[in-house]
């Protein structure tokens, strides 16, 4: 069974990143525990799937400017 990976957009930096499930869950828990949420720092989930799928989506997406 393969792990789940997540393709996310980080609005603060304008980056698209691929995170394994444990790192994605850590980031989401960190966001929930902030006293003052920062919408510029929240991850925007673009896709989820296997590592291979996320790498292909990442290459296909390139620089997303309208997210």
PDB file of N, CA and C in Angstrom:
ATOM      1  N   UNK A   1       0.844  -1.185   0.000  1.00  0.00           N
ATOM      2  CA  UNK A   1       0.000   0.000   0.000  1.00  0.00           C
ATOM      3  C   UNK A   1       0.885   1.242   0.000  1.00  0.00           C
ATOM      4  N   UNK A   2       0.604   2.156  -0.880  1.00  0.00           N
ATOM      5  CA  UNK A   2       1.435   3.356  -0.971  1.00  0.00           C
ATOM      6  C   UNK A   2       0.879   4.456  -0.068  1.00  0.00           C
ATOM      7  N   UNK A   3       1.762   5.328   0.370  1.00  0.00           N
ATOM      8  CA  UNK A   3       1.362   6.447   1.207  1.00  0.00           C
ATOM      9  C   UNK A   3       0.633   7.489   0.377  1.00  0.00           C
ATOM     10  N   UNK A   4      -0.130   8.312   1.075  1.00  0.00           N
ATOM     11  CA  UNK A   4      -0.825   9.411   0.420  1.00  0.00           C
ATOM     12  C   UNK A   4       0.058  10.642   0.457  1.00  0.00           C
ATOM     13  N   UNK A   5       0.121  11.343  -0.654  1.00  0.00           N
ATOM     14  CA  UNK A   5       0.867  12.588  -0.763  1.00  0.00           C
ATOM     15  C   UNK A   5      -0.095  13.705  -1.159  1.00  0.00           C
ATOM     16  N   UNK A   6       0.285  14.938  -0.839  1.00  0.00           N
ATOM     17  CA  UNK A   6      -0.577  16.087  -1.063  1.00  0.00           C
ATOM     18  C   UNK A   6       0.179  17.161  -1.835  1.00  0.00           C
ATOM     19  N   UNK A   7      -0.449  17.679  -2.876  1.00  0.00           N
ATOM     20  CA  UNK A   7       0.080  18.814  -3.613  1.00  0.00           C
ATOM     21  C   UNK A   7      -0.619  20.046  -3.059  1.00  0.00           C
ATOM     22  N   UNK A   8       0.151  20.975  -2.497  1.00  0.00           N
ATOM     23  CA  UNK A   8      -0.410  22.145  -1.831  1.00  0.00           C
ATOM     24  C   UNK A   8       0.221  23.418  -2.375  1.00  0.00           C
ATOM     25  N   UNK A   9      -0.529  24.492  -2.249  1.00  0.00           N
ATOM     26  CA  UNK A   9      -0.049  25.818  -2.627  1.00  0.00           C
ATOM     27  C   UNK A   9       0.131  26.626  -1.349  1.00  0.00           C
ATOM     28  N   UNK A  10       1.268  27.305  -1.209  1.00  0.00           N
ATOM     29  CA  UNK A  10       1.547  28.151  -0.051  1.00  0.00           C
ATOM     30  C   UNK A  10       1.420  29.605  -0.517  1.00  0.00           C
ATOM     31  N   UNK A  11       0.298  30.277  -0.199  1.00  0.00           N
ATOM     32  CA  UNK A  11       0.071  31.634  -0.705  1.00  0.00           C
ATOM     33  C   UNK A  11       1.145  32.640  -0.290  1.00  0.00           C
ATOM     34  N   UNK A  12       1.701  32.488   0.906  1.00  0.00           N
ATOM     35  CA  UNK A  12       2.686  33.453   1.393  1.00  0.00           C
ATOM     36  C   UNK A  12       3.889  33.550   0.458  1.00  0.00           C
ATOM     37  N   UNK A  13       4.322  32.393  -0.066  1.00  0.00           N
ATOM     38  CA  UNK A  13       5.514  32.352  -0.907  1.00  0.00           C
ATOM     39  C   UNK A  13       5.189  32.151  -2.387  1.00  0.00           C
ATOM     40  N   UNK A  14       3.964  31.696  -2.664  1.00  0.00           N
ATOM     41  CA  UNK A  14       3.594  31.410  -4.043  1.00  0.00           C
ATOM     42  C   UNK A  14       4.153  30.088  -4.539  1.00  0.00           C
ATOM     43  N   UNK A  15       4.531  29.234  -3.607  1.00  0.00           N
ATOM     44  CA  UNK A  15       5.124  27.940  -3.977  1.00  0.00           C
ATOM     45  C   UNK A  15       4.063  26.856  -4.026  1.00  0.00           C
ATOM     46  N   UNK A  16       4.313  25.839  -4.859  1.00  0.00           N
ATOM     47  CA  UNK A  16       3.565  24.591  -4.852  1.00  0.00           C
ATOM     48  C   UNK A  16       4.499  23.537  -4.285  1.00  0.00           C
ATOM     49  N   UNK A  17       4.020  22.808  -3.278  1.00  0.00           N
ATOM     50  CA  UNK A  17       4.866  21.819  -2.617  1.00  0.00           C
ATOM     51  C   UNK A  17       4.140  20.487  -2.540  1.00  0.00           C
ATOM     52  N   UNK A  18       4.921  19.417  -2.446  1.00  0.00           N
ATOM     53  CA  UNK A  18       4.389  18.073  -2.272  1.00  0.00           C
ATOM     54  C   UNK A  18       4.765  17.610  -0.870  1.00  0.00           C
ATOM     55  N   UNK A  19       3.757  17.208  -0.098  1.00  0.00           N
ATOM     56  CA  UNK A  19       3.989  16.771   1.276  1.00  0.00           C
ATOM     57  C   UNK A  19       3.496  15.352   1.472  1.00  0.00           C
ATOM     58  N   UNK A  20       4.255  14.527   2.212  1.00  0.00           N
ATOM     59  CA  UNK A  20       3.721  13.223   2.606  1.00  0.00           C
ATOM     60  C   UNK A  20       2.631  13.425   3.654  1.00  0.00           C
ATOM     61  N   UNK A  21       1.842  12.404   3.883  1.00  0.00           N
ATOM     62  CA  UNK A  21       0.684  12.511   4.765  1.00  0.00           C
ATOM     63  C   UNK A  21       1.033  13.008   6.166  1.00  0.00           C
ATOM     64  N   UNK A  22       2.109  12.502   6.768  1.00  0.00           N
ATOM     65  CA  UNK A  22       2.443  12.897   8.140  1.00  0.00           C
ATOM     66  C   UNK A  22       2.815  14.389   8.215  1.00  0.00           C
ATOM     67  N   UNK A  23       3.516  14.911   7.214  1.00  0.00           N
ATOM     68  CA  UNK A  23       3.871  16.330   7.205  1.00  0.00           C
ATOM     69  C   UNK A  23       2.655  17.212   6.942  1.00  0.00           C
ATOM     70  N   UNK A  24       1.763  16.753   6.075  1.00  0.00           N
ATOM     71  CA  UNK A  24       0.546  17.504   5.786  1.00  0.00           C
ATOM     72  C   UNK A  24      -0.319  17.614   7.047  1.00  0.00           C
ATOM     73  N   UNK A  25      -0.473  16.494   7.750  1.00  0.00           N
ATOM     74  CA  UNK A  25      -1.266  16.512   8.983  1.00  0.00           C
ATOM     75  C   UNK A  25      -0.625  17.408  10.035  1.00  0.00           C
ATOM     76  N   UNK A  26       0.705  17.390  10.122  1.00  0.00           N
ATOM     77  CA  UNK A  26       1.401  18.257  11.075  1.00  0.00           C
ATOM     78  C   UNK A  26       1.128  19.727  10.760  1.00  0.00           C
ATOM     79  N   UNK A  27       1.213  20.114   9.484  1.00  0.00           N
ATOM     80  CA  UNK A  27       0.976  21.502   9.089  1.00  0.00           C
ATOM     81  C   UNK A  27      -0.462  21.924   9.391  1.00  0.00           C
ATOM     82  N   UNK A  28      -1.419  21.045   9.115  1.00  0.00           N
ATOM     83  CA  UNK A  28      -2.828  21.365   9.386  1.00  0.00           C
ATOM     84  C   UNK A  28      -3.072  21.511  10.884  1.00  0.00           C
ATOM     85  N   UNK A  29      -2.483  20.644  11.701  1.00  0.00           N
ATOM     86  CA  UNK A  29      -2.641  20.760  13.149  1.00  0.00           C
ATOM     87  C   UNK A  29      -1.998  22.046  13.657  1.00  0.00           C
ATOM     88  N   UNK A  30      -0.862  22.420  13.091  1.00  0.00           N
ATOM     89  CA  UNK A  30      -0.188  23.654  13.485  1.00  0.00           C
ATOM     90  C   UNK A  30      -1.065  24.865  13.156  1.00  0.00           C
ATOM     91  N   UNK A  31      -1.685  24.861  11.984  1.00  0.00           N
ATOM     92  CA  UNK A  31      -2.552  25.963  11.583  1.00  0.00           C
ATOM     93  C   UNK A  31      -3.746  26.093  12.526  1.00  0.00           C
ATOM     94  N   UNK A  32      -4.312  24.948  12.948  1.00  0.00           N
ATOM     95  CA  UNK A  32      -5.474  24.975  13.830  1.00  0.00           C
ATOM     96  C   UNK A  32      -5.125  25.495  15.215  1.00  0.00           C
ATOM     97  N   UNK A  33      -3.890  25.306  15.651  1.00  0.00           N
ATOM     98  CA  UNK A  33      -3.500  25.682  17.002  1.00  0.00           C
ATOM     99  C   UNK A  33      -2.978  27.116  17.117  1.00  0.00           C
ATOM    100  N   UNK A  34      -2.852  27.817  16.014  1.00  0.00           N
ATOM    101  CA  UNK A  34      -2.406  29.206  16.075  1.00  0.00           C
ATOM    102  C   UNK A  34      -3.473  30.065  16.761  1.00  0.00           C
ATOM    103  N   UNK A  35      -3.039  30.967  17.622  1.00  0.00           N
ATOM    104  CA  UNK A  35      -3.987  31.854  18.303  1.00  0.00           C
ATOM    105  C   UNK A  35      -4.641  32.818  17.323  1.00  0.00           C
ATOM    106  N   UNK A  36      -3.869  33.337  16.400  1.00  0.00           N
ATOM    107  CA  UNK A  36      -4.384  34.255  15.388  1.00  0.00           C
ATOM    108  C   UNK A  36      -4.101  33.628  14.025  1.00  0.00           C
ATOM    109  N   UNK A  37      -5.127  33.073  13.373  1.00  0.00           N
ATOM    110  CA  UNK A  37      -4.897  32.445  12.069  1.00  0.00           C
ATOM    111  C   UNK A  37      -4.359  33.451  11.048  1.00  0.00           C
ATOM    112  N   UNK A  38      -3.443  32.990  10.235  1.00  0.00           N
ATOM    113  CA  UNK A  38      -2.854  33.818   9.192  1.00  0.00           C
ATOM    114  C   UNK A  38      -3.238  33.232   7.837  1.00  0.00           C
ATOM    115  N   UNK A  39      -4.209  33.808   7.144  1.00  0.00           N
ATOM    116  CA  UNK A  39      -4.663  33.223   5.876  1.00  0.00           C
ATOM    117  C   UNK A  39      -3.575  33.158   4.808  1.00  0.00           C
ATOM    118  N   UNK A  40      -2.546  34.031   4.904  1.00  0.00           N
ATOM    119  CA  UNK A  40      -1.461  33.982   3.921  1.00  0.00           C
ATOM    120  C   UNK A  40      -0.582  32.758   4.127  1.00  0.00           C
ATOM    121  N   UNK A  41      -0.613  32.165   5.322  1.00  0.00           N
ATOM    122  CA  UNK A  41       0.263  31.043   5.630  1.00  0.00           C
ATOM    123  C   UNK A  41      -0.458  29.702   5.533  1.00  0.00           C
ATOM    124  N   UNK A  42      -1.761  29.685   5.322  1.00  0.00           N
ATOM    125  CA  UNK A  42      -2.504  28.434   5.256  1.00  0.00           C
ATOM    126  C   UNK A  42      -2.248  27.721   3.936  1.00  0.00           C
ATOM    127  N   UNK A  43      -2.123  26.414   4.011  1.00  0.00           N
ATOM    128  CA  UNK A  43      -1.940  25.611   2.803  1.00  0.00           C
ATOM    129  C   UNK A  43      -3.253  25.513   2.040  1.00  0.00           C
ATOM    130  N   UNK A  44      -3.179  25.560   0.724  1.00  0.00           N
ATOM    131  CA  UNK A  44      -4.336  25.338  -0.126  1.00  0.00           C
ATOM    132  C   UNK A  44      -4.126  23.989  -0.797  1.00  0.00           C
ATOM    133  N   UNK A  45      -5.003  23.049  -0.493  1.00  0.00           N
ATOM    134  CA  UNK A  45      -4.880  21.702  -1.055  1.00  0.00           C
ATOM    135  C   UNK A  45      -5.298  21.719  -2.515  1.00  0.00           C
ATOM    136  N   UNK A  46      -4.401  21.280  -3.384  1.00  0.00           N
ATOM    137  CA  UNK A  46      -4.681  21.222  -4.820  1.00  0.00           C
ATOM    138  C   UNK A  46      -5.056  19.819  -5.268  1.00  0.00           C
ATOM    139  N   UNK A  47      -4.367  18.798  -4.718  1.00  0.00           N
ATOM    140  CA  UNK A  47      -4.627  17.415  -5.112  1.00  0.00           C
ATOM    141  C   UNK A  47      -4.031  16.473  -4.078  1.00  0.00           C
ATOM    142  N   UNK A  48      -4.527  15.249  -4.067  1.00  0.00           N
ATOM    143  CA  UNK A  48      -3.941  14.222  -3.216  1.00  0.00           C
ATOM    144  C   UNK A  48      -3.944  12.906  -3.970  1.00  0.00           C
ATOM    145  N   UNK A  49      -2.946  12.078  -3.669  1.00  0.00           N
ATOM    146  CA  UNK A  49      -2.818  10.792  -4.339  1.00  0.00           C
ATOM    147  C   UNK A  49      -1.464  10.178  -4.044  1.00  0.00           C
ATOM    148  N   UNK A  50      -1.003   9.335  -4.945  1.00  0.00           N
ATOM    149  CA  UNK A  50       0.292   8.693  -4.755  1.00  0.00           C
ATOM    150  C   UNK A  50       1.406   9.685  -5.055  1.00  0.00           C
ATOM    151  N   UNK A  51       2.622   9.333  -4.663  1.00  0.00           N
ATOM    152  CA  UNK A  51       3.755  10.222  -4.901  1.00  0.00           C
ATOM    153  C   UNK A  51       3.957  10.462  -6.395  1.00  0.00           C
ATOM    154  N   UNK A  52       3.833   9.430  -7.173  1.00  0.00           N
ATOM    155  CA  UNK A  52       4.014   9.546  -8.623  1.00  0.00           C
ATOM    156  C   UNK A  52       2.977  10.497  -9.225  1.00  0.00           C
ATOM    157  N   UNK A  53       1.713  10.357  -8.815  1.00  0.00           N
ATOM    158  CA  UNK A  53       0.666  11.241  -9.319  1.00  0.00           C
ATOM    159  C   UNK A  53       0.935  12.697  -8.956  1.00  0.00           C
ATOM    160  N   UNK A  54       1.386  12.928  -7.730  1.00  0.00           N
ATOM    161  CA  UNK A  54       1.628  14.299  -7.286  1.00  0.00           C
ATOM    162  C   UNK A  54       2.797  14.932  -8.032  1.00  0.00           C
ATOM    163  N   UNK A  55       3.816  14.134  -8.336  1.00  0.00           N
ATOM    164  CA  UNK A  55       4.948  14.654  -9.107  1.00  0.00           C
ATOM    165  C   UNK A  55       4.486  15.027 -10.514  1.00  0.00           C
ATOM    166  N   UNK A  56       3.639  14.190 -11.118  1.00  0.00           N
ATOM    167  CA  UNK A  56       3.112  14.499 -12.453  1.00  0.00           C
ATOM    168  C   UNK A  56       2.238  15.745 -12.425  1.00  0.00           C
ATOM    169  N   UNK A  57       1.375  15.871 -11.426  1.00  0.00           N
ATOM    170  CA  UNK A  57       0.546  17.073 -11.290  1.00  0.00           C
ATOM    171  C   UNK A  57       1.412  18.305 -11.076  1.00  0.00           C
ATOM    172  N   UNK A  58       2.455  18.165 -10.285  1.00  0.00           N
ATOM    173  CA  UNK A  58       3.355  19.285  -9.997  1.00  0.00           C
ATOM    174  C   UNK A  58       4.009  19.776 -11.287  1.00  0.00           C
ATOM    175  N   UNK A  59       4.482  18.841 -12.102  1.00  0.00           N
ATOM    176  CA  UNK A  59       5.098  19.207 -13.375  1.00  0.00           C
ATOM    177  C   UNK A  59       4.079  19.809 -14.334  1.00  0.00           C
ATOM    178  N   UNK A  60       2.858  19.295 -14.292  1.00  0.00           N
ATOM    179  CA  UNK A  60       1.799  19.792 -15.166  1.00  0.00           C
ATOM    180  C   UNK A  60       1.361  21.196 -14.737  1.00  0.00           C
ATOM    181  N   UNK A  61       1.271  21.422 -13.427  1.00  0.00           N
ATOM    182  CA  UNK A  61       0.772  22.701 -12.907  1.00  0.00           C
ATOM    183  C   UNK A  61       1.758  23.825 -13.144  1.00  0.00           C
ATOM    184  N   UNK A  62       3.050  23.537 -13.018  1.00  0.00           N
ATOM    185  CA  UNK A  62       4.061  24.591 -13.172  1.00  0.00           C
ATOM    186  C   UNK A  62       3.851  25.676 -12.131  1.00  0.00           C
ATOM    187  N   UNK A  63       3.849  26.913 -12.560  1.00  0.00           N
ATOM    188  CA  UNK A  63       3.601  28.032 -11.648  1.00  0.00           C
ATOM    189  C   UNK A  63       2.128  28.416 -11.746  1.00  0.00           C
ATOM    190  N   UNK A  64       1.376  28.049 -10.733  1.00  0.00           N
ATOM    191  CA  UNK A  64      -0.030  28.434 -10.692  1.00  0.00           C
ATOM    192  C   UNK A  64      -0.126  29.864 -10.173  1.00  0.00           C
ATOM    193  N   UNK A  65      -0.728  30.704 -10.942  1.00  0.00           N
ATOM    194  CA  UNK A  65      -0.809  32.109 -10.536  1.00  0.00           C
ATOM    195  C   UNK A  65      -2.198  32.511 -10.089  1.00  0.00           C
ATOM    196  N   UNK A  66      -3.220  31.717 -10.382  1.00  0.00           N
ATOM    197  CA  UNK A  66      -4.580  32.113 -10.042  1.00  0.00           C
ATOM    198  C   UNK A  66      -5.139  31.326  -8.863  1.00  0.00           C
ATOM    199  N   UNK A  67      -4.310  30.801  -7.995  1.00  0.00           N
ATOM    200  CA  UNK A  67      -4.783  30.034  -6.838  1.00  0.00           C
ATOM    201  C   UNK A  67      -4.965  30.972  -5.676  1.00  0.00           C
TER     202      UNK A  67
END
